[in-house]
Amino acid sequence: MLFKKTSLVVVMVLLLVLAAGCGKGPEQGTGVENGEGIISEPGDSGGNLEVEEEEPPAAPETEGDLAAKLLSLEEQFFDLFFRPETDETGRVKAYDSKEDLLAAVTEIAERELVAPAVDEYYLEEDNKLYIIPQGMPPQIIPDQPYELRQVDEDTWALVQEAENEMMGAYKLTVEFTKVDGRWLMSGRSLELLE
C-alpha cells in the first residue's frame, strides 16, 4: 500500500511538472531551437528589436559647396525682396501684405534682419502690396573675387570688396547661420573704403 501511495505521489508530481511545462511554453523573449534556426512566438521579437536604419553621416560640406549654397541664398534673397515680380503699377504679384512677404523671406533670412527694411521698401494699401521704387543695396557679385570666412561653428560670411559709381569702394559682409539644419542669412554690413 505504501508503494502504491508513493507511486501515486510520484506520478502526480510528474504530471504536474509536465502539465506546467507544456502549458507555459517558452518564456517571453525566447525561442525554441528547431534544428534550422530559432522559432519565435508570435509577437515576439526574438530579443532583436527592430533598429531604425540610420543614414550614414553626411559628407562634410566643402568650402566650395558652401560658398555656392550661400551665393544662391544671396541671389534668392534679392530676387524675392528687392526684385519681386510686379505689374506696371508696382503691385507685387505674389504677395498681398507685408506679413505675407516676410513669411516668404524668412524661409531664407532671419526675420530680425529683414523686418526693419520692409517699411522702407514696401507700401501696403487696400490689401495690396507695392514696392517703392528706389535703388537697391549692394549684393555679393558671384563672378568677382570674394572670401568665405568662418565666424563661428554655425556662422559663415561672404566678404567682398567692390566699387560702384554711387558709393565708390566698399566692403560688403553677408553672414549666414545654420539654424535647424538650414542656412539663413543672418547679417549684412557695408563699410565704405577710402
Protein backbone atom coordinates (compact mmCIF):
# COMPACT_ATOMS: atom_id res chain seq x y z
CA MET A 1 0.00 0.00 0.00
CA LEU A 2 2.91 2.27 0.81
CA PHE A 3 4.32 1.50 -2.62
CA LYS A 4 1.01 2.49 -4.29
CA LYS A 5 0.85 5.81 -2.35
CA THR A 6 4.46 6.67 -3.16
CA SER A 7 3.97 5.74 -6.82
CA LEU A 8 0.80 7.77 -6.96
CA VAL A 9 2.54 10.84 -5.45
CA VAL A 10 5.47 10.50 -7.87
CA VAL A 11 3.13 10.16 -10.84
CA MET A 12 1.11 13.20 -9.69
CA VAL A 13 4.25 15.28 -9.28
CA LEU A 14 5.47 14.23 -12.74
CA LEU A 15 2.10 15.06 -14.27
CA LEU A 16 2.10 18.46 -12.61
CA VAL A 17 5.61 19.17 -13.83
CA LEU A 18 4.74 18.05 -17.36
CA ALA A 19 1.49 19.98 -17.36
CA ALA A 20 3.20 23.13 -16.14
CA GLY A 21 5.95 22.79 -18.73
CA CYS A 22 3.58 22.10 -21.64
CA GLY A 23 1.10 24.82 -20.88
CA LYS A 24 3.62 27.53 -20.33
CA GLY A 25 5.71 27.21 -23.50
CA PRO A 26 8.94 29.12 -23.95
CA GLU A 27 9.29 32.20 -21.82
CA GLN A 28 8.56 35.55 -23.47
CA GLY A 29 11.53 36.79 -25.39
CA THR A 30 12.99 33.36 -26.05
CA GLY A 31 12.70 30.98 -28.94
CA VAL A 32 12.83 27.27 -29.45
CA GLU A 33 15.61 25.67 -31.44
CA ASN A 34 14.13 23.52 -34.21
CA GLY A 35 17.36 22.43 -35.81
CA GLU A 36 17.06 25.00 -38.60
CA GLY A 37 17.11 28.13 -36.51
CA ILE A 38 15.12 29.69 -33.75
CA ILE A 39 11.35 29.80 -33.92
CA SER A 40 9.92 32.71 -32.02
CA GLU A 41 6.49 33.02 -30.56
CA PRO A 42 4.04 35.24 -32.42
CA GLY A 43 4.54 38.85 -31.41
CA ASP A 44 7.99 38.01 -30.03
CA SER A 45 10.87 39.95 -31.41
CA GLY A 46 13.20 37.11 -30.52
CA GLY A 47 15.24 39.51 -28.45
CA ASN A 48 16.08 41.55 -31.53
CA LEU A 49 14.42 44.92 -31.55
CA GLU A 50 13.87 46.45 -34.93
CA VAL A 51 16.50 49.08 -35.32
CA GLU A 52 15.80 52.07 -37.49
CA GLU A 53 18.44 52.24 -40.12
CA GLU A 54 20.48 55.31 -39.53
CA GLU A 55 21.53 57.34 -42.51
CA PRO A 56 25.26 57.50 -42.83
CA PRO A 57 26.60 60.84 -41.70
CA ALA A 58 26.54 63.39 -44.48
CA ALA A 59 29.86 64.09 -46.08
CA PRO A 60 31.29 67.32 -44.74
CA GLU A 61 30.43 70.29 -46.92
CA THR A 62 33.41 71.59 -48.81
CA GLU A 63 34.08 75.32 -48.74
CA GLY A 64 33.32 75.45 -52.46
CA ASP A 65 29.93 73.78 -51.96
CA LEU A 66 29.15 76.03 -49.02
CA ALA A 67 30.12 79.17 -50.94
CA ALA A 68 27.87 78.13 -53.86
CA LYS A 69 24.97 77.50 -51.48
CA LEU A 70 25.40 80.86 -49.74
CA LEU A 71 25.73 82.72 -53.04
CA SER A 72 22.50 81.07 -54.16
CA LEU A 73 20.75 82.24 -50.97
CA GLU A 74 22.03 85.78 -51.57
CA GLU A 75 20.57 85.71 -55.10
CA GLN A 76 17.24 84.26 -53.89
CA PHE A 77 17.03 86.97 -51.23
CA PHE A 78 17.49 89.76 -53.78
CA ASP A 79 15.04 88.20 -56.23
CA LEU A 80 12.41 87.80 -53.53
CA PHE A 81 12.87 91.01 -51.56
CA PHE A 82 14.28 93.62 -53.98
CA ARG A 83 13.22 92.27 -57.40
CA PRO A 84 9.79 90.68 -56.92
CA GLU A 85 7.57 90.25 -59.95
CA THR A 86 5.29 93.30 -60.21
CA ASP A 87 2.68 94.72 -62.54
CA GLU A 88 3.01 98.13 -64.27
CA THR A 89 1.81 99.95 -61.12
CA GLY A 90 4.48 98.36 -58.91
CA ARG A 91 2.00 95.98 -57.25
CA VAL A 92 3.73 92.79 -56.10
CA LYS A 93 2.03 89.85 -57.80
CA ALA A 94 2.91 87.08 -55.34
CA TYR A 95 2.04 88.80 -52.03
CA ASP A 96 -0.81 90.99 -50.79
CA SER A 97 0.70 92.13 -47.49
CA LYS A 98 3.98 92.89 -45.80
CA GLU A 99 3.39 89.94 -43.49
CA ASP A 100 2.98 87.56 -46.47
CA LEU A 101 6.26 88.84 -47.91
CA LEU A 102 8.01 88.50 -44.54
CA ALA A 103 6.77 84.92 -44.18
CA ALA A 104 8.30 84.05 -47.55
CA VAL A 105 11.59 85.87 -46.96
CA THR A 106 12.10 84.31 -43.52
CA GLU A 107 12.49 80.95 -45.24
CA ILE A 108 15.95 82.17 -46.30
CA ALA A 109 16.74 85.08 -43.94
CA GLU A 110 16.25 85.78 -40.25
CA ARG A 111 13.16 87.88 -39.56
CA GLU A 112 15.10 90.35 -37.37
CA LEU A 113 17.31 91.15 -40.36
CA VAL A 114 14.52 91.71 -42.87
CA ALA A 115 11.58 93.16 -40.90
CA PRO A 116 13.03 96.69 -40.46
CA ALA A 117 13.57 97.05 -44.23
CA VAL A 118 10.01 96.09 -45.20
CA ASP A 119 8.58 99.51 -44.33
CA GLU A 120 11.40 101.22 -46.22
CA TYR A 121 10.86 99.24 -49.45
CA TYR A 122 7.14 98.37 -49.41
CA LEU A 123 3.76 100.04 -49.12
CA GLU A 124 0.59 98.14 -48.24
CA GLU A 125 -2.73 99.64 -49.41
CA ASP A 126 -6.21 98.11 -49.83
CA ASN A 127 -4.89 94.56 -49.27
CA LYS A 128 -2.30 95.04 -51.98
CA LEU A 129 1.48 95.24 -51.64
CA TYR A 130 3.51 97.74 -53.66
CA ILE A 131 7.28 98.06 -53.96
CA ILE A 132 8.59 101.60 -53.52
CA PRO A 133 10.88 102.36 -56.49
CA GLN A 134 14.41 103.10 -55.31
CA GLY A 135 17.94 101.81 -55.56
CA MET A 136 18.97 98.52 -54.01
CA PRO A 137 21.78 97.94 -51.56
CA PRO A 138 24.87 96.23 -52.93
CA GLN A 139 24.91 92.47 -53.18
CA ILE A 140 27.70 89.92 -53.49
CA ILE A 141 28.71 89.67 -57.14
CA PRO A 142 29.47 85.98 -57.79
CA ASP A 143 31.87 86.50 -60.72
CA GLN A 144 34.08 88.93 -58.79
CA PRO A 145 36.56 87.91 -56.08
CA TYR A 146 35.11 87.28 -52.63
CA GLU A 147 36.17 85.48 -49.46
CA LEU A 148 34.35 82.85 -47.45
CA ARG A 149 35.15 83.29 -43.75
CA GLN A 150 34.11 81.20 -40.78
CA VAL A 151 32.75 83.42 -38.00
CA ASP A 152 31.94 80.63 -35.53
CA GLU A 153 30.85 76.99 -35.57
CA ASP A 154 27.47 77.72 -37.21
CA THR A 155 28.12 81.05 -38.96
CA TRP A 156 29.98 81.82 -42.17
CA ALA A 157 30.34 85.10 -44.06
CA LEU A 158 30.82 86.08 -47.67
CA VAL A 159 33.07 89.15 -47.83
CA GLN A 160 33.64 91.16 -50.97
CA GLU A 161 35.40 94.40 -51.74
CA ALA A 162 33.98 96.13 -54.77
CA GLU A 163 33.33 99.55 -56.22
CA ASN A 164 30.42 101.31 -57.91
CA GLU A 165 29.76 104.84 -59.16
CA MET A 166 27.32 105.78 -56.38
CA MET A 167 29.32 104.62 -53.35
CA GLY A 168 32.84 104.28 -54.59
CA ALA A 169 34.89 101.49 -52.96
CA TYR A 170 33.18 99.41 -50.29
CA LYS A 171 33.40 96.14 -48.38
CA LEU A 172 30.22 94.08 -48.10
CA THR A 173 29.92 91.33 -45.49
CA VAL A 174 26.93 88.97 -45.57
CA GLU A 175 26.61 86.44 -42.75
CA PHE A 176 24.74 83.14 -42.84
CA THR A 177 23.92 81.00 -39.81
CA LYS A 178 22.91 77.34 -39.82
CA VAL A 179 19.63 77.04 -37.87
CA ASP A 180 17.90 73.66 -37.52
CA GLY A 181 19.92 72.22 -40.39
CA ARG A 182 19.32 75.02 -42.89
CA TRP A 183 21.23 78.17 -43.77
CA LEU A 184 19.64 81.57 -43.13
CA MET A 185 21.01 85.00 -43.94
CA SER A 186 21.66 86.48 -40.51
CA GLY A 187 23.53 89.75 -41.07
CA ARG A 188 24.60 92.33 -43.63
CA SER A 189 27.09 95.12 -43.17
CA LEU A 190 28.57 97.66 -45.54
CA GLU A 191 31.80 99.52 -44.96
CA LEU A 192 32.82 102.38 -47.24
CA LEU A 193 36.51 102.28 -48.11
CA GLU A 194 38.60 105.36 -48.78
